[in-house]
Amino acid sequence: MIVAMALGTTAVATLPAWALVELNVNKGNVEPLPIAITDFQGGDALGAEISGIVSADLKRSGLFAPIDKSAFIEKISNPDATPRFEDWKVINAQALVTGSVSKEADGRVRAQYRLWDTFAGQQMSGEQFFANDANTRRVAHIIADAIYERLTGEKGYFDTRVVFIDESGAKNARKKRLAIMDQDGANVRYLSNGKSIVLTPRFSPNRQEITYMSYESGQPKVYLLQIETGQRELVGDFPGMTFAPRFSPDGQKVIMSLLRDDGNSNIFAMDLRSRSTTRLTNSAAIDTSPSYSPDGSKVVFTSDRGGRAQIYVMGADGSGQTRISFGDGVYSTPVWSPRGDLIAFTKQTAGEFQIGVMRIDGSGERILSTGFQQEGPTWAPNGRVLMFFRDSAGGPKLVSVDLTGRNEQSIPTANFASDPAWSPLLE
């Protein structure tokens, strides 16, 4: 458990609100904001570790440029005292982060930070957190989220996890295990033993549970797994299924593509309480890869009813099925943004695989990444970053890219990794 408390502002010169530094992330080309992040005082190496994680999170976002500590003029000894702003303006630090770490009498870690606007000469925000030793990395991610939100006006995405398929061994006998990690690749934990093939985990949008597909008996079975307790529940046997279901926004239903006796692949929704299914499409084509809009009113999916796989949108009850993509190539794995404004997809054209986004009416298609073989986009909960997997050097690895397409980052994993699914923000 992590407890947060606000820190009051210290007495410094107050300037009009318009003087405060901020980032407009809606501009097409955002210049990274120079920010100085000092080592948090106290706690021995823990203070430097926490500030290092904060710095790494902000840098990976592509919106911030942490300044090399060797350039610092003022050496912060009291993080609660007003900094010498002139020293930070000299090195063009538009924002400054100070902080401290200490151990409480009850054994908990106390971490606090303050965010300063160096040019306006005032504190922008400050909080303190109490956590046990196991949650110190989470505290750092929460601090990074708070700084991100204060400077951009949008929620951060650092205090999140990613579930994925860990792949090891020879290519023709690959061992696939369900795994989970922090969004930066730390704290990997295995959720399955690798005795059976597992595929396409999907996070619930409002709780820490996932669906995934397993071939324990040679046939695809879908399971519901509570990550914290390890409790597992069989959703059902689904012969012919190739992708695990996706959750509805309220977590009460899942939507999936099923191959029925008539040989057609169509879209079905299942109520997780009653296990009753409702058929949403009735096509002689292959309808697959459904994903709900964040308000639950619509569904995006792919269908080859027009000759090759394209993207379609329909009502959550199956009404109003409308094609929205008309580009060259084959579209797959569409996923609705949590912001509701975009749909991410995989596209295969001219021997290349592309990760792209389009507006929900199909307009404004933009390709963010092109590679030999890459697919499976998943959204960060703030809708600003995508993660996917790319096959390179003998096996798949995880990659993230922001909506500009210019900030692509490799996600470190010990083994090959595929099928990522991004969690909502942790609580």
Protein backbone atom coordinates (compact mmCIF):
# COMPACT_ATOMS: atom_id res chain seq x y z
CA MET A 1 0.00 0.00 0.00
CA ILE A 2 1.19 3.50 -0.86
CA VAL A 3 -0.09 6.56 1.03
CA ALA A 4 0.25 10.01 -0.56
CA MET A 5 0.11 13.45 1.07
CA ALA A 6 0.48 16.88 -0.52
CA LEU A 7 3.39 19.11 0.47
CA GLY A 8 2.65 22.76 0.99
CA THR A 9 4.44 25.39 -1.06
CA THR A 10 7.30 27.25 0.53
CA ALA A 11 7.39 31.03 0.69
CA VAL A 12 8.84 32.17 -2.62
CA ALA A 13 8.09 34.94 -5.07
CA THR A 14 4.68 34.50 -6.68
CA LEU A 15 4.26 35.35 -10.36
CA PRO A 16 1.13 35.21 -12.54
CA ALA A 17 0.00 31.72 -13.54
CA TRP A 18 0.89 32.38 -17.19
CA ALA A 19 4.57 32.42 -16.20
CA LEU A 20 4.53 28.75 -15.20
CA VAL A 21 6.34 26.33 -17.48
CA GLU A 22 4.16 23.84 -19.34
CA LEU A 23 4.29 21.49 -22.30
CA ASN A 24 1.68 21.51 -25.06
CA VAL A 25 1.64 17.85 -26.02
CA ASN A 26 -0.98 18.45 -28.70
CA LYS A 27 1.48 20.26 -30.96
CA GLY A 28 2.82 18.23 -33.85
CA ASN A 29 6.48 18.54 -32.88
CA VAL A 30 7.21 18.91 -29.18
CA GLU A 31 10.71 19.97 -28.19
CA PRO A 32 11.71 18.01 -25.05
CA LEU A 33 11.63 20.18 -21.93
CA PRO A 34 15.02 20.56 -20.17
CA ILE A 35 14.52 19.38 -16.59
CA ALA A 36 17.00 18.95 -13.73
CA ILE A 37 16.35 16.01 -11.42
CA THR A 38 18.60 15.99 -8.36
CA ASP A 39 19.47 12.93 -6.29
CA PHE A 40 16.95 12.62 -3.49
CA GLN A 41 18.61 13.31 -0.15
CA GLY A 42 18.95 10.64 2.56
CA GLY A 43 18.26 6.95 2.25
CA ASP A 44 21.81 6.24 1.09
CA ALA A 45 21.65 4.72 -2.40
CA LEU A 46 17.86 4.58 -2.34
CA GLY A 47 17.52 8.31 -2.94
CA ALA A 48 19.67 8.15 -6.06
CA GLU A 49 17.80 5.05 -7.23
CA ILE A 50 14.38 6.73 -6.94
CA SER A 51 15.48 9.93 -8.69
CA GLY A 52 17.15 7.80 -11.38
CA ILE A 53 13.90 5.95 -12.09
CA VAL A 54 11.99 9.25 -12.24
CA SER A 55 14.55 10.62 -14.69
CA ALA A 56 14.46 7.49 -16.87
CA ASP A 57 10.65 7.50 -17.00
CA LEU A 58 10.45 11.12 -18.08
CA LYS A 59 13.24 10.75 -20.65
CA ARG A 60 11.62 7.68 -22.25
CA SER A 61 8.42 9.66 -22.79
CA GLY A 62 10.29 11.81 -25.31
CA LEU A 63 8.79 14.96 -23.78
CA PHE A 64 11.59 15.67 -21.29
CA ALA A 65 15.36 16.06 -21.54
CA PRO A 66 16.95 15.44 -18.11
CA ILE A 67 20.10 17.55 -17.73
CA ASP A 68 23.40 15.81 -16.94
CA LYS A 69 24.10 16.12 -13.21
CA SER A 70 27.68 17.14 -13.89
CA ALA A 71 26.30 20.46 -15.15
CA PHE A 72 24.56 21.27 -11.84
CA ILE A 73 25.91 24.38 -10.10
CA GLU A 74 23.91 24.31 -6.89
CA LYS A 75 24.31 21.18 -4.79
CA ILE A 76 20.98 20.60 -3.07
CA SER A 77 21.41 19.74 0.60
CA ASN A 78 17.95 20.72 1.85
CA PRO A 79 15.22 19.74 -0.64
CA ASP A 80 12.64 21.77 1.30
CA ALA A 81 14.54 25.03 0.97
CA THR A 82 14.02 27.43 -1.92
CA PRO A 83 16.61 26.68 -4.63
CA ARG A 84 18.93 29.32 -6.05
CA PHE A 85 16.93 29.70 -9.24
CA GLU A 86 19.64 31.70 -11.03
CA ASP A 87 21.98 28.69 -10.82
CA TRP A 88 19.39 26.52 -12.58
CA LYS A 89 18.47 29.11 -15.21
CA VAL A 90 22.14 29.32 -16.22
CA ILE A 91 22.05 25.66 -17.32
CA ASN A 92 18.61 26.16 -18.95
CA ALA A 93 16.77 23.92 -16.49
CA GLN A 94 13.21 25.06 -17.06
CA ALA A 95 11.97 22.74 -14.33
CA LEU A 96 13.74 21.37 -11.25
CA VAL A 97 12.93 18.33 -9.10
CA THR A 98 14.27 17.98 -5.56
CA GLY A 99 13.40 15.35 -2.99
CA SER A 100 14.33 13.22 -0.03
CA VAL A 101 13.99 9.64 1.21
CA SER A 102 13.97 8.43 4.83
CA LYS A 103 12.98 5.45 6.93
CA GLU A 104 10.14 5.88 9.41
CA ALA A 105 10.11 4.34 12.88
CA ASP A 106 7.56 1.74 11.72
CA GLY A 107 9.92 0.62 8.93
CA ARG A 108 8.11 2.32 6.07
CA VAL A 109 9.93 4.37 3.45
CA ARG A 110 9.02 8.04 3.27
CA ALA A 111 9.74 9.70 -0.08
CA GLN A 112 8.91 13.29 -0.99
CA TYR A 113 9.49 15.49 -3.98
CA ARG A 114 9.05 19.12 -5.00
CA LEU A 115 8.71 20.38 -8.56
CA TRP A 116 9.98 23.92 -9.18
CA ASP A 117 9.55 26.31 -12.09
CA THR A 118 13.00 27.91 -12.23
CA PHE A 119 12.07 30.83 -14.49
CA ALA A 120 8.90 31.74 -12.59
CA GLY A 121 10.74 31.17 -9.31
CA GLN A 122 8.08 29.11 -7.57
CA GLN A 123 7.04 25.62 -6.55
CA MET A 124 4.58 23.94 -8.89
CA SER A 125 3.74 20.82 -6.87
CA GLY A 126 4.96 18.64 -4.04
CA GLU A 127 3.88 15.40 -2.39
CA GLN A 128 5.16 12.81 0.05
CA PHE A 129 4.56 9.07 -0.05
CA PHE A 130 4.78 6.27 2.51
CA ALA A 131 5.42 2.75 1.30
CA ASN A 132 7.13 -0.50 2.26
CA ASP A 133 10.48 -1.49 0.77
CA ALA A 134 8.80 -3.61 -1.92
CA ASN A 135 7.05 -0.56 -3.35
CA THR A 136 9.92 1.91 -3.67
CA ARG A 137 10.05 1.52 -7.47
CA ARG A 138 6.32 2.19 -7.60
CA VAL A 139 6.83 5.39 -5.60
CA ALA A 140 9.34 6.56 -8.21
CA HIS A 141 6.88 5.82 -11.04
CA ILE A 142 4.09 7.66 -9.16
CA ILE A 143 6.35 10.70 -8.72
CA ALA A 144 7.18 10.62 -12.44
CA ASP A 145 3.46 10.45 -13.22
CA ALA A 146 2.76 13.46 -10.98
CA ILE A 147 5.49 15.52 -12.67
CA TYR A 148 4.31 14.45 -16.12
CA GLU A 149 0.73 15.45 -15.33
CA ARG A 150 1.67 18.80 -13.79
CA LEU A 151 3.79 19.80 -16.78
CA THR A 152 1.64 18.39 -19.60
CA GLY A 153 -1.87 18.56 -18.17
CA GLU A 154 -2.42 14.87 -18.98
CA LYS A 155 -2.23 11.71 -16.90
CA GLY A 156 1.08 9.85 -16.88
CA TYR A 157 1.49 6.15 -17.60
CA PHE A 158 4.58 5.12 -15.63
CA ASP A 159 2.88 3.41 -12.65
CA THR A 160 1.65 0.59 -14.87
CA ARG A 161 2.53 -2.97 -15.78
CA VAL A 162 2.67 -4.94 -19.00
CA VAL A 163 1.70 -8.59 -19.34
CA PHE A 164 3.36 -10.41 -22.23
CA ILE A 165 4.53 -13.77 -23.55
CA ASP A 166 8.12 -14.62 -22.57
CA GLU A 167 9.69 -16.82 -25.25
CA SER A 168 12.85 -18.89 -24.77
CA GLY A 169 14.55 -21.89 -26.34
CA ALA A 170 15.07 -23.00 -29.93
CA LYS A 171 12.79 -21.48 -32.55
CA ASN A 172 11.24 -24.84 -33.44
CA ALA A 173 10.64 -25.73 -29.77
CA ARG A 174 9.99 -22.41 -28.13
CA LYS A 175 8.86 -22.29 -24.50
CA LYS A 176 6.17 -19.66 -23.98
CA ARG A 177 5.37 -18.39 -20.51
CA LEU A 178 2.90 -15.77 -19.37
CA ALA A 179 4.88 -12.97 -17.69
CA ILE A 180 4.31 -9.55 -16.19
CA MET A 181 6.68 -6.63 -15.60
CA ASP A 182 6.74 -2.92 -14.86
CA GLN A 183 6.28 -0.78 -17.99
CA ASP A 184 10.04 -0.10 -18.05
CA GLY A 185 10.97 -3.81 -18.08
CA ALA A 186 11.78 -4.19 -14.36
CA ASN A 187 10.30 -6.67 -11.85
CA VAL A 188 9.58 -9.51 -14.26
CA ARG A 189 7.37 -12.20 -12.74
CA TYR A 190 6.16 -15.39 -14.42
CA LEU A 191 2.48 -16.29 -14.27
CA SER A 192 2.66 -19.69 -15.99
CA ASN A 193 5.18 -22.54 -15.99
CA GLY A 194 5.69 -22.90 -19.74
CA LYS A 195 4.35 -26.46 -19.94
CA SER A 196 1.62 -25.33 -22.31
CA ILE A 197 1.63 -22.71 -25.07
CA VAL A 198 0.00 -19.45 -23.97
CA LEU A 199 -1.00 -16.58 -26.27
CA THR A 200 -2.48 -13.07 -26.44
CA PRO A 201 -3.05 -11.94 -22.85
CA ARG A 202 -5.52 -9.05 -22.48
CA PHE A 203 -5.84 -6.70 -19.49
CA SER A 204 -9.12 -5.74 -17.92
CA PRO A 205 -9.54 -1.95 -18.28
CA ASN A 206 -10.55 -1.45 -14.66
CA ARG A 207 -8.91 -4.14 -12.55
CA GLN A 208 -5.75 -6.23 -12.33
CA GLU A 209 -6.98 -9.30 -14.15
CA ILE A 210 -6.35 -10.72 -17.60
CA THR A 211 -7.74 -13.13 -20.11
CA TYR A 212 -5.37 -15.33 -22.10
CA MET A 213 -5.47 -18.37 -24.35
CA SER A 214 -3.81 -21.67 -23.44
CA TYR A 215 -3.35 -24.93 -25.31
CA GLU A 216 -3.18 -27.14 -22.21
CA SER A 217 -4.97 -30.06 -23.86
CA GLY A 218 -4.12 -29.28 -27.46
CA GLN A 219 -7.26 -27.19 -27.87
CA PRO A 220 -7.55 -23.45 -27.23
CA LYS A 221 -8.99 -22.66 -23.81
CA VAL A 222 -9.55 -19.16 -22.49
CA TYR A 223 -8.76 -18.41 -18.85
CA LEU A 224 -9.44 -15.48 -16.56
CA LEU A 225 -6.50 -14.85 -14.19
CA GLN A 226 -6.44 -12.64 -11.08
CA ILE A 227 -2.86 -11.38 -11.13
CA GLU A 228 -2.44 -10.65 -7.42
CA THR A 229 -4.03 -13.84 -6.06
CA GLY A 230 -3.11 -16.20 -8.91
CA GLN A 231 -6.72 -17.43 -8.95
CA ARG A 232 -7.56 -18.84 -12.36
CA GLU A 233 -10.97 -19.51 -13.88
CA LEU A 234 -11.86 -21.26 -17.13
CA VAL A 235 -13.94 -19.02 -19.39
CA GLY A 236 -14.51 -21.76 -21.95
CA ASP A 237 -13.21 -24.03 -24.72
CA PHE A 238 -13.09 -22.30 -28.08
CA PRO A 239 -11.96 -24.49 -31.00
CA GLY A 240 -10.66 -22.44 -33.90
CA MET A 241 -9.95 -19.36 -31.79
CA THR A 242 -6.70 -17.55 -32.64
CA PHE A 243 -6.85 -14.49 -30.33
CA ALA A 244 -7.95 -14.28 -26.70
CA PRO A 245 -11.05 -12.17 -25.99
CA ARG A 246 -10.91 -8.48 -25.04
CA PHE A 247 -12.77 -6.99 -22.10
CA SER A 248 -15.63 -4.53 -22.25
CA PRO A 249 -14.85 -1.20 -20.51
CA ASP A 250 -16.79 -2.23 -17.38
CA GLY A 251 -15.01 -5.59 -17.22
CA GLN A 252 -18.31 -7.48 -17.18
CA LYS A 253 -18.14 -8.87 -20.72
CA VAL A 254 -15.56 -10.10 -23.22
CA ILE A 255 -15.73 -9.91 -27.00
CA MET A 256 -14.14 -12.43 -29.34
CA SER A 257 -14.09 -14.07 -32.74
CA LEU A 258 -15.33 -17.65 -32.89
CA LEU A 259 -15.30 -20.25 -35.66
CA ARG A 260 -18.63 -22.07 -35.56
CA ASP A 261 -19.86 -25.22 -37.29
CA ASP A 262 -20.84 -23.29 -40.41
CA GLY A 263 -17.13 -22.64 -41.00
CA ASN A 264 -17.48 -18.88 -40.63
CA SER A 265 -15.56 -16.73 -38.15
CA ASN A 266 -17.84 -14.17 -36.50
CA ILE A 267 -17.88 -11.79 -33.54
CA PHE A 268 -19.51 -12.81 -30.25
CA ALA A 269 -19.85 -11.11 -26.86
CA MET A 270 -19.93 -13.14 -23.64
CA ASP A 271 -21.30 -12.08 -20.26
CA LEU A 272 -18.69 -13.22 -17.72
CA ARG A 273 -21.27 -13.80 -14.99
CA SER A 274 -23.83 -15.85 -16.90
CA ARG A 275 -21.45 -17.17 -19.60
CA SER A 276 -24.17 -16.46 -22.15
CA THR A 277 -22.98 -15.42 -25.63
CA THR A 278 -24.52 -13.00 -28.11
CA ARG A 279 -23.67 -13.15 -31.80
CA LEU A 280 -22.85 -9.71 -33.22
CA THR A 281 -21.92 -10.46 -36.83
CA ASN A 282 -23.30 -13.01 -39.26
CA SER A 283 -20.97 -12.94 -42.23
CA ALA A 284 -19.65 -15.51 -44.66
CA ALA A 285 -16.29 -13.73 -44.38
CA ILE A 286 -13.68 -13.82 -41.62
CA ASP A 287 -14.63 -11.30 -38.92
CA THR A 288 -12.01 -11.11 -36.19
CA SER A 289 -9.98 -9.02 -33.70
CA PRO A 290 -12.81 -7.06 -32.04
CA SER A 291 -12.09 -4.24 -29.57
CA TYR A 292 -14.55 -2.05 -27.63
CA SER A 293 -14.54 1.73 -27.64
CA PRO A 294 -13.77 3.16 -24.16
CA ASP A 295 -17.43 4.07 -23.57
CA GLY A 296 -18.56 0.58 -24.60
CA SER A 297 -20.95 1.85 -27.29
CA LYS A 298 -19.01 0.66 -30.35
CA VAL A 299 -16.72 -2.14 -31.52
CA VAL A 300 -13.90 -2.05 -34.05
CA PHE A 301 -12.94 -5.26 -35.87
CA THR A 302 -11.41 -6.55 -39.10
CA SER A 303 -13.21 -8.38 -41.88
CA ASP A 304 -12.29 -9.61 -45.35
CA ARG A 305 -15.89 -9.32 -46.57
CA GLY A 306 -14.67 -6.71 -49.09
CA GLY A 307 -11.98 -9.00 -50.56
CA ARG A 308 -9.13 -8.42 -48.10
CA ALA A 309 -8.97 -7.63 -44.42
CA GLN A 310 -10.02 -4.06 -43.65
CA ILE A 311 -11.19 -2.26 -40.51
CA TYR A 312 -14.89 -1.95 -39.66
CA VAL A 313 -16.82 -0.27 -36.85
CA MET A 314 -20.24 -1.29 -35.50
CA GLY A 315 -22.49 -0.66 -32.53
CA ALA A 316 -21.89 -2.82 -29.46
CA ASP A 317 -25.07 -4.72 -30.38
CA GLY A 318 -23.78 -5.45 -33.89
CA SER A 319 -25.73 -2.70 -35.62
CA GLY A 320 -24.45 -0.30 -38.27
CA GLN A 321 -21.46 -2.29 -39.52
CA THR A 322 -19.39 0.21 -41.49
CA ARG A 323 -16.03 -0.05 -43.23
CA ILE A 324 -13.64 2.76 -42.24
CA SER A 325 -10.28 1.79 -43.83
CA PHE A 326 -9.65 1.95 -47.55
CA GLY A 327 -5.85 1.86 -47.78
CA ASP A 328 -3.67 -0.58 -49.68
CA GLY A 329 -2.59 -3.70 -47.84
CA VAL A 330 -4.10 -5.92 -45.15
CA TYR A 331 -5.23 -4.53 -41.78
CA SER A 332 -5.32 -6.48 -38.50
CA THR A 333 -5.45 -6.22 -34.69
CA PRO A 334 -7.29 -2.89 -34.38
CA VAL A 335 -7.41 -1.50 -30.83
CA TRP A 336 -9.43 1.49 -29.68
CA SER A 337 -7.48 4.18 -27.80
CA PRO A 338 -8.46 4.69 -24.13
CA ARG A 339 -8.97 8.36 -25.04
CA GLY A 340 -11.55 7.33 -27.63
CA ASP A 341 -10.06 9.44 -30.41
CA LEU A 342 -7.92 6.96 -32.35
CA ILE A 343 -7.72 3.34 -33.44
CA ALA A 344 -4.33 1.61 -33.59
CA PHE A 345 -3.73 -1.20 -36.08
CA THR A 346 -1.24 -3.48 -37.76
CA LYS A 347 -0.96 -3.17 -41.54
CA GLN A 348 0.85 -5.43 -43.97
CA THR A 349 1.71 -4.00 -47.36
CA ALA A 350 4.46 -4.59 -49.93
CA GLY A 351 6.16 -7.15 -47.68
CA GLU A 352 6.36 -4.78 -44.72
CA PHE A 353 4.54 -4.67 -41.41
CA GLN A 354 3.43 -1.28 -40.11
CA ILE A 355 2.01 -0.01 -36.84
CA GLY A 356 -0.31 2.93 -37.37
CA VAL A 357 -3.26 4.92 -36.07
CA MET A 358 -6.36 6.44 -37.65
CA ARG A 359 -9.29 8.50 -36.44
CA ILE A 360 -12.42 6.56 -35.52
CA ASP A 361 -14.02 7.43 -38.88
CA GLY A 362 -10.98 6.09 -40.75
CA SER A 363 -9.53 9.48 -41.67
CA GLY A 364 -6.06 10.74 -40.83
CA GLU A 365 -4.23 7.42 -41.14
CA ARG A 366 -0.63 7.74 -39.94
CA ILE A 367 2.10 5.09 -39.90
CA LEU A 368 4.21 5.26 -36.74
CA SER A 369 6.62 2.36 -37.31
CA THR A 370 7.63 0.08 -40.18
CA GLY A 371 9.56 -3.18 -39.84
CA PHE A 372 10.15 -6.64 -41.22
CA GLN A 373 7.58 -8.27 -38.97
CA GLN A 374 5.82 -6.36 -36.21
CA GLU A 375 2.30 -6.46 -34.85
CA GLY A 376 0.04 -6.46 -31.82
CA PRO A 377 -0.24 -2.81 -30.68
CA THR A 378 -1.45 -2.07 -27.14
CA TRP A 379 -2.16 1.37 -25.68
CA ALA A 380 -0.71 3.04 -22.60
CA PRO A 381 -3.64 4.10 -20.38
CA ASN A 382 -3.21 7.79 -21.30
CA GLY A 383 -3.49 7.06 -25.03
CA ARG A 384 -0.16 8.72 -25.89
CA VAL A 385 2.11 5.69 -26.35
CA LEU A 386 1.81 2.29 -28.05
CA MET A 387 3.72 -0.91 -27.36
CA PHE A 388 4.02 -3.77 -29.86
CA PHE A 389 6.39 -6.61 -30.72
CA ARG A 390 8.87 -6.81 -33.56
CA ASP A 391 10.65 -9.93 -34.83
CA SER A 392 14.36 -9.25 -35.18
CA ALA A 393 17.60 -11.18 -34.69
CA GLY A 394 15.87 -14.54 -34.41
CA GLY A 395 12.87 -13.69 -32.26
CA PRO A 396 10.36 -11.06 -31.13
CA LYS A 397 11.16 -8.14 -28.82
CA LEU A 398 8.98 -5.42 -27.34
CA VAL A 399 9.06 -1.85 -28.66
CA SER A 400 7.18 1.33 -27.73
CA VAL A 401 6.47 4.36 -29.89
CA ASP A 402 4.65 7.63 -29.18
CA LEU A 403 2.00 9.19 -31.40
CA THR A 404 4.57 11.34 -33.22
CA GLY A 405 6.36 8.20 -34.42
CA ARG A 406 9.70 9.82 -33.59
CA ASN A 407 10.22 8.44 -30.08
CA GLU A 408 10.72 4.70 -30.50
CA GLN A 409 12.10 2.79 -27.51
CA SER A 410 13.20 -0.83 -27.04
CA ILE A 411 11.79 -2.46 -23.90
CA PRO A 412 14.45 -4.61 -22.20
CA THR A 413 13.52 -8.24 -21.56
CA ALA A 414 15.77 -11.17 -20.66
CA ASN A 415 14.30 -13.40 -23.38
CA PHE A 416 12.28 -12.91 -26.53
CA ALA A 417 8.90 -11.30 -25.86
CA SER A 418 5.61 -10.96 -27.75
CA ASP A 419 1.90 -10.15 -27.34
CA PRO A 420 2.16 -7.22 -24.90
CA ALA A 421 -0.92 -5.88 -23.09
CA TRP A 422 -0.68 -2.64 -21.08
CA SER A 423 -2.42 -2.39 -17.71
CA PRO A 424 -4.51 0.51 -16.47
CA LEU A 425 -2.86 2.74 -13.87
CA LEU A 426 -2.27 0.86 -10.63
CA GLU A 427 -4.21 1.85 -7.53
